[in-house]
C-alpha atoms as a PDB file:
ATOM      1  CA  MET A   1     -17.230 -17.641   8.489  1.00  0.00           C
ATOM      2  CA  SER A   2     -18.984 -20.683   7.125  1.00  0.00           C
ATOM      3  CA  SER A   3     -20.418 -19.137   3.982  1.00  0.00           C
ATOM      4  CA  VAL A   4     -20.466 -15.965   1.959  1.00  0.00           C
ATOM      5  CA  GLY A   5     -23.763 -14.555   0.708  1.00  0.00           C
ATOM      6  CA  LYS A   6     -22.327 -12.874  -2.399  1.00  0.00           C
ATOM      7  CA  THR A   7     -18.919 -12.949  -4.024  1.00  0.00           C
ATOM      8  CA  ASP A   8     -17.790 -10.309  -6.530  1.00  0.00           C
ATOM      9  CA  VAL A   9     -15.080 -11.757  -8.739  1.00  0.00           C
ATOM     10  CA  PHE A  10     -13.020  -9.395 -10.886  1.00  0.00           C
ATOM     11  CA  THR A  11      -9.745  -9.194 -12.742  1.00  0.00           C
ATOM     12  CA  VAL A  12      -7.302  -6.342 -13.093  1.00  0.00           C
ATOM     13  CA  ASN A  13      -6.453  -5.616 -16.732  1.00  0.00           C
ATOM     14  CA  GLY A  14      -2.791  -6.210 -17.502  1.00  0.00           C
ATOM     15  CA  SER A  15      -2.256  -8.439 -14.468  1.00  0.00           C
ATOM     16  CA  THR A  16      -0.784 -11.903 -14.198  1.00  0.00           C
ATOM     17  CA  ASP A  17      -1.761 -12.213 -10.515  1.00  0.00           C
ATOM     18  CA  ALA A  18      -3.935  -9.852  -8.465  1.00  0.00           C
ATOM     19  CA  PHE A  19      -4.613  -9.565  -4.734  1.00  0.00           C
ATOM     20  CA  CYS A  20      -7.432  -7.803  -2.878  1.00  0.00           C
ATOM     21  CA  GLN A  21      -5.861  -6.654   0.385  1.00  0.00           C
ATOM     22  CA  GLY A  22      -8.208  -4.122   1.967  1.00  0.00           C
ATOM     23  CA  ILE A  23     -11.756  -2.774   1.910  1.00  0.00           C
ATOM     24  CA  ASN A  24     -13.481   0.097   3.694  1.00  0.00           C
ATOM     25  CA  ASP A  25     -17.053   0.406   4.987  1.00  0.00           C
ATOM     26  CA  ARG A  26     -18.178   1.931   1.654  1.00  0.00           C
ATOM     27  CA  GLY A  27     -16.974  -1.146  -0.226  1.00  0.00           C
ATOM     28  CA  VAL A  28     -13.994   0.547  -1.892  1.00  0.00           C
ATOM     29  CA  ALA A  29     -11.319  -2.140  -2.244  1.00  0.00           C
ATOM     30  CA  VAL A  30      -7.558  -1.913  -2.691  1.00  0.00           C
ATOM     31  CA  GLY A  31      -4.793  -4.313  -3.549  1.00  0.00           C
ATOM     32  CA  ALA A  32      -1.955  -5.018  -5.918  1.00  0.00           C
ATOM     33  CA  TYR A  33      -1.209  -6.940  -9.059  1.00  0.00           C
ATOM     34  CA  TYR A  34       1.853  -8.202 -10.889  1.00  0.00           C
ATOM     35  CA  ASP A  35       2.417  -7.196 -14.493  1.00  0.00           C
ATOM     36  CA  SER A  36       4.082  -9.507 -17.032  1.00  0.00           C
ATOM     37  CA  ALA A  37       7.549  -8.261 -15.948  1.00  0.00           C
ATOM     38  CA  GLY A  38       6.871  -9.159 -12.290  1.00  0.00           C
ATOM     39  CA  VAL A  39       6.492  -5.539 -11.142  1.00  0.00           C
ATOM     40  CA  LEU A  40       3.778  -4.759  -8.584  1.00  0.00           C
ATOM     41  CA  HIS A  41       1.176  -2.044  -9.125  1.00  0.00           C
ATOM     42  CA  GLY A  42      -1.400  -0.882  -6.596  1.00  0.00           C
ATOM     43  CA  TRP A  43      -5.065  -0.605  -7.529  1.00  0.00           C
ATOM     44  CA  VAL A  44      -8.306   0.802  -6.118  1.00  0.00           C
ATOM     45  CA  ARG A  45     -11.779  -0.484  -7.102  1.00  0.00           C
ATOM     46  CA  THR A  46     -15.036   1.420  -6.667  1.00  0.00           C
ATOM     47  CA  PRO A  47     -18.042  -0.781  -5.802  1.00  0.00           C
ATOM     48  CA  TRP A  48     -20.730   1.240  -7.563  1.00  0.00           C
ATOM     49  CA  ASN A  49     -19.308   0.767 -11.074  1.00  0.00           C
ATOM     50  CA  GLY A  50     -16.497  -1.765 -10.614  1.00  0.00           C
ATOM     51  CA  GLU A  51     -13.934   0.671 -12.056  1.00  0.00           C
ATOM     52  CA  ILE A  52     -10.347  -0.239 -11.214  1.00  0.00           C
ATOM     53  CA  LYS A  53      -7.612   2.409 -11.255  1.00  0.00           C
ATOM     54  CA  THR A  54      -3.911   1.630 -11.099  1.00  0.00           C
ATOM     55  CA  VAL A  55      -1.876   3.409  -8.418  1.00  0.00           C
ATOM     56  CA  ASP A  56       1.899   3.734  -8.716  1.00  0.00           C
ATOM     57  CA  ALA A  57       3.773   5.691  -6.054  1.00  0.00           C
ATOM     58  CA  PRO A  58       5.924   8.595  -7.310  1.00  0.00           C
ATOM     59  CA  GLY A  59       9.491   7.328  -7.640  1.00  0.00           C
ATOM     60  CA  ALA A  60       8.508   3.641  -7.548  1.00  0.00           C
ATOM     61  CA  SER A  61      10.750   1.262  -9.441  1.00  0.00           C
ATOM     62  CA  THR A  62       9.544   0.006 -12.797  1.00  0.00           C
ATOM     63  CA  VAL A  63      11.790  -3.060 -12.784  1.00  0.00           C
ATOM     64  CA  VAL A  64      12.236  -5.910 -10.343  1.00  0.00           C
ATOM     65  CA  GLY A  65      15.404  -5.990  -8.248  1.00  0.00           C
ATOM     66  CA  PRO A  66      16.869  -7.781  -5.219  1.00  0.00           C
ATOM     67  CA  GLN A  67      15.274  -7.071  -1.837  1.00  0.00           C
ATOM     68  CA  PRO A  68      17.656  -5.870   0.862  1.00  0.00           C
ATOM     69  CA  CYS A  69      17.296  -8.012   4.018  1.00  0.00           C
ATOM     70  CA  GLY A  70      15.060 -10.434   2.177  1.00  0.00           C
ATOM     71  CA  SER A  71      14.974 -13.264  -0.219  1.00  0.00           C
ATOM     72  CA  GLY A  72      13.794 -12.855  -3.753  1.00  0.00           C
ATOM     73  CA  SER A  73      13.141  -9.780  -5.810  1.00  0.00           C
ATOM     74  CA  ALA A  74      10.537  -7.039  -5.815  1.00  0.00           C
ATOM     75  CA  GLY A  75       9.649  -3.748  -7.428  1.00  0.00           C
ATOM     76  CA  GLY A  76       6.754  -1.349  -7.815  1.00  0.00           C
ATOM     77  CA  THR A  77       3.860  -0.393  -5.528  1.00  0.00           C
ATOM     78  CA  THR A  78       1.359  -2.270  -3.367  1.00  0.00           C
ATOM     79  CA  ILE A  79      -1.647  -1.005  -1.388  1.00  0.00           C
ATOM     80  CA  TYR A  80      -2.713  -2.810   1.791  1.00  0.00           C
ATOM     81  CA  GLY A  81      -5.405  -0.688   3.380  1.00  0.00           C
ATOM     82  CA  ILE A  82      -8.013   2.022   2.919  1.00  0.00           C
ATOM     83  CA  ASN A  83     -10.055   3.823   5.560  1.00  0.00           C
ATOM     84  CA  ASP A  84     -13.574   5.254   5.291  1.00  0.00           C
ATOM     85  CA  LEU A  85     -12.135   8.676   4.376  1.00  0.00           C
ATOM     86  CA  GLY A  86     -10.428   7.168   1.317  1.00  0.00           C
ATOM     87  CA  GLU A  87      -6.877   7.379   2.699  1.00  0.00           C
ATOM     88  CA  MET A  88      -4.846   4.495   1.254  1.00  0.00           C
ATOM     89  CA  VAL A  89      -1.691   2.999   2.745  1.00  0.00           C
ATOM     90  CA  GLY A  90       0.945   0.651   1.396  1.00  0.00           C
ATOM     91  CA  HIS A  91       4.554   0.569   0.347  1.00  0.00           C
ATOM     92  CA  TYR A  92       6.757   0.834  -2.698  1.00  0.00           C
ATOM     93  CA  TRP A  93      10.298   0.080  -3.741  1.00  0.00           C
ATOM     94  CA  ASP A  94      12.331   2.968  -5.132  1.00  0.00           C
ATOM     95  CA  THR A  95      14.827   2.642  -7.992  1.00  0.00           C
ATOM     96  CA  SER A  96      17.509   1.533  -5.472  1.00  0.00           C
ATOM     97  CA  ASN A  97      15.100  -1.195  -4.202  1.00  0.00           C
ATOM     98  CA  VAL A  98      14.661   0.513  -0.835  1.00  0.00           C
ATOM     99  CA  GLU A  99      11.165  -0.023   0.554  1.00  0.00           C
ATOM    100  CA  HIS A 100       9.146   2.982   1.775  1.00  0.00           C
ATOM    101  CA  GLY A 101       5.687   3.165   3.316  1.00  0.00           C
ATOM    102  CA  PHE A 102       3.164   5.709   2.105  1.00  0.00           C
ATOM    103  CA  VAL A 103      -0.235   7.278   2.644  1.00  0.00           C
ATOM    104  CA  LEU A 104      -2.179   8.437  -0.405  1.00  0.00           C
ATOM    105  CA  GLN A 105      -4.829  11.048   0.421  1.00  0.00           C
ATOM    106  CA  PRO A 106      -8.158  11.147  -1.489  1.00  0.00           C
ATOM    107  CA  ASP A 107      -7.042  14.429  -3.115  1.00  0.00           C
ATOM    108  CA  GLY A 108      -3.988  12.660  -4.573  1.00  0.00           C
ATOM    109  CA  LYS A 109      -1.466  14.026  -2.057  1.00  0.00           C
ATOM    110  CA  PHE A 110       1.244  11.445  -1.488  1.00  0.00           C
ATOM    111  CA  GLN A 111       3.065  11.169   1.848  1.00  0.00           C
ATOM    112  CA  LYS A 112       6.128   8.939   2.149  1.00  0.00           C
ATOM    113  CA  ILE A 113       6.647   7.099   5.456  1.00  0.00           C
ATOM    114  CA  ASP A 114      10.149   6.230   6.637  1.00  0.00           C
ATOM    115  CA  VAL A 115      10.460   5.210  10.288  1.00  0.00           C
ATOM    116  CA  PRO A 116      13.503   7.035  11.739  1.00  0.00           C
ATOM    117  CA  GLY A 117      16.541   4.747  11.731  1.00  0.00           C
ATOM    118  CA  ALA A 118      14.823   2.079   9.617  1.00  0.00           C
ATOM    119  CA  ALA A 119      16.461   0.443   6.620  1.00  0.00           C
ATOM    120  CA  LEU A 120      13.039  -0.397   5.105  1.00  0.00           C
ATOM    121  CA  THR A 121       9.480   0.738   5.984  1.00  0.00           C
ATOM    122  CA  SER A 122       6.085  -0.688   5.012  1.00  0.00           C
ATOM    123  CA  GLY A 123       2.561   0.614   5.571  1.00  0.00           C
ATOM    124  CA  GLY A 124      -0.068  -2.025   6.287  1.00  0.00           C
ATOM    125  CA  ALA A 125      -3.355  -0.540   7.536  1.00  0.00           C
ATOM    126  CA  VAL A 126      -4.916   2.865   8.221  1.00  0.00           C
ATOM    127  CA  ASN A 127      -7.767   3.693  10.605  1.00  0.00           C
ATOM    128  CA  ASN A 128     -10.302   6.509  10.367  1.00  0.00           C
ATOM    129  CA  PHE A 129      -8.063   8.745  12.511  1.00  0.00           C
ATOM    130  CA  GLY A 130      -5.285   8.437   9.916  1.00  0.00           C
ATOM    131  CA  GLN A 131      -3.081   6.273  12.145  1.00  0.00           C
ATOM    132  CA  VAL A 132      -0.936   3.874  10.135  1.00  0.00           C
ATOM    133  CA  ALA A 133       0.084   0.414  11.327  1.00  0.00           C
ATOM    134  CA  GLY A 134       2.971  -1.286   9.607  1.00  0.00           C
ATOM    135  CA  HIS A 135       6.401  -2.750  10.017  1.00  0.00           C
ATOM    136  CA  TYR A 136       9.968  -1.670   9.421  1.00  0.00           C
ATOM    137  CA  VAL A 137      13.294  -3.433   9.143  1.00  0.00           C
ATOM    138  CA  ASP A 138      16.280  -2.171  11.118  1.00  0.00           C
ATOM    139  CA  SER A 139      19.911  -2.144   9.987  1.00  0.00           C
ATOM    140  CA  SER A 140      20.373  -5.693  11.360  1.00  0.00           C
ATOM    141  CA  CYS A 141      17.486  -6.927   9.174  1.00  0.00           C
ATOM    142  CA  ASN A 142      15.149  -7.422  12.149  1.00  0.00           C
ATOM    143  CA  SER A 143      11.483  -6.641  11.543  1.00  0.00           C
ATOM    144  CA  ARG A 144       9.582  -4.447  14.020  1.00  0.00           C
ATOM    145  CA  GLY A 145       6.051  -3.079  14.151  1.00  0.00           C
ATOM    146  CA  TYR A 146       5.071   0.584  14.343  1.00  0.00           C
ATOM    147  CA  ILE A 147       2.002   2.777  14.660  1.00  0.00           C
ATOM    148  CA  GLY A 148       2.336   6.209  13.074  1.00  0.00           C
ATOM    149  CA  THR A 149       0.045   9.062  14.111  1.00  0.00           C
ATOM    150  CA  PRO A 150      -0.194  11.929  11.631  1.00  0.00           C
ATOM    151  CA  LYS A 151       0.541  15.520  12.506  1.00  0.00           C
ATOM    152  CA  ARG A 152      -2.675  17.556  12.366  1.00  0.00           C
ATOM    153  CA  ASP A 153      -2.932  21.288  11.690  1.00  0.00           C
ATOM    154  CA  ARG A 154      -4.528  23.170  14.567  1.00  0.00           C
ATOM    155  CA  ASP A 155      -5.363  26.720  15.531  1.00  0.00           C
ATOM    156  CA  ASP A 156      -3.416  28.121  18.474  1.00  0.00           C
ATOM    157  CA  ASP A 157      -5.700  31.141  19.093  1.00  0.00           C
END
């Protein structure tokens, strides 16, 4: 891309650093920001009024701690993707600093993602069929990719 026709610049209140990490076809954007204590918080921004709402996963840590299998420290919630249905995907660190992926439904229903046998799981993107792409870390600290397909209710008449 050689040029951009229009750029919307915005800040997230209470942030020291903010990142826009995903956008859907309706222009709803998602990302994360660091607060003054270094804890991550997810956010979602509506294009029609520019309103930004903070999203913290249930059970997410509120302090920064050491990352298992990684260097540095982390804590909180981050959102990486949103589909056209409004399903958001990301990951969070719990109070033991274990990383879990998640899907947040438009109705507020929260679904944790833990790949079976994984030490850590992260959600990265979600398509309009609800499939989640992400990565996980195994017990030997090796990173692997995954695609998760949701279970769907169906009638067996």
